[in-house]
Amino acid sequence: MATAQNADVSSLSYEQARDELIRVVSELEQGSSTLEESLSLWERGEAAAKRCEEWLLGAKARLDAARSSAE
């Protein structure tokens, strides 16, 4: 379930998305959120993790391209 709150994750840099994921995990580990808040945090964490993966895949593609052109 995508929410408007998670939409802004798509514009984050890798470092910002990573920091957001760390913040979300820390908040979830505290266990003081309601079920609804926890679900929202989980969704935000999933969106941040996906954004990190997008950055990492993009970086890998750039490295592969650079290696190919160097050969």
Protein backbone atom coordinates (compact mmCIF):
# COMPACT_ATOMS: atom_id res chain seq x y z
CA MET A 1 0.00 0.00 0.00
CA ALA A 2 1.80 3.12 -1.26
CA THR A 3 1.08 6.37 0.53
CA ALA A 4 1.77 10.01 -0.27
CA GLN A 5 4.25 10.05 2.61
CA ASN A 6 6.36 7.47 0.77
CA ALA A 7 6.20 9.28 -2.56
CA ASP A 8 8.87 11.76 -1.50
CA VAL A 9 11.32 8.89 -0.91
CA SER A 10 11.83 8.62 -4.66
CA SER A 11 13.67 11.95 -4.67
CA LEU A 12 16.12 11.08 -1.88
CA SER A 13 19.83 10.60 -2.43
CA TYR A 14 21.31 7.25 -1.46
CA GLU A 15 22.62 8.66 1.81
CA GLN A 16 19.30 10.29 2.68
CA ALA A 17 17.37 7.08 1.93
CA ARG A 18 19.85 5.04 3.98
CA ASP A 19 19.55 7.43 6.93
CA GLU A 20 15.75 7.35 6.65
CA LEU A 21 15.81 3.56 6.68
CA ILE A 22 18.01 3.58 9.79
CA ARG A 23 15.63 6.01 11.48
CA VAL A 24 12.60 3.89 10.63
CA VAL A 25 14.20 0.66 11.87
CA SER A 26 15.25 2.35 15.10
CA GLU A 27 11.74 3.66 15.69
CA LEU A 28 10.20 0.26 14.96
CA GLU A 29 12.63 -1.46 17.32
CA GLN A 30 11.50 0.79 20.16
CA GLY A 31 8.08 -0.86 19.93
CA SER A 32 6.22 2.17 21.25
CA SER A 33 4.20 2.85 18.09
CA THR A 34 0.59 1.86 17.56
CA LEU A 35 -0.15 -0.84 15.00
CA GLU A 36 -1.21 1.78 12.45
CA GLU A 37 1.96 3.83 13.05
CA SER A 38 4.07 0.69 12.80
CA LEU A 39 2.49 -0.24 9.47
CA SER A 40 3.11 3.26 8.15
CA LEU A 41 6.72 3.12 9.33
CA TRP A 42 7.16 -0.30 7.75
CA GLU A 43 5.88 1.02 4.42
CA ARG A 44 8.22 4.01 4.66
CA GLY A 45 11.12 1.69 5.43
CA GLU A 46 10.28 -0.50 2.45
CA ALA A 47 10.20 2.57 0.21
CA ALA A 48 13.56 3.78 1.57
CA ALA A 49 15.12 0.33 1.08
CA LYS A 50 13.83 0.23 -2.49
CA ARG A 51 15.33 3.67 -3.14
CA CYS A 52 18.70 2.49 -1.78
CA GLU A 53 18.55 -0.54 -4.05
CA GLU A 54 17.77 1.66 -7.05
CA TRP A 55 20.84 3.78 -6.31
CA LEU A 56 23.06 0.74 -5.85
CA LEU A 57 21.86 -0.88 -9.07
CA GLY A 58 22.44 2.39 -10.91
CA ALA A 59 25.95 2.65 -9.49
CA LYS A 60 26.70 -0.92 -10.52
CA ALA A 61 25.47 -0.23 -14.06
CA ARG A 62 27.72 2.83 -14.27
CA LEU A 63 30.72 0.86 -13.04
CA ASP A 64 30.02 -1.94 -15.50
CA ALA A 65 29.74 0.58 -18.34
CA ALA A 66 33.00 2.26 -17.31
CA ARG A 67 34.78 -1.09 -17.16
CA SER A 68 33.42 -2.08 -20.57
CA SER A 69 34.57 1.14 -22.19
CA ALA A 70 38.02 0.81 -20.61
CA GLU A 71 38.55 -2.64 -22.14
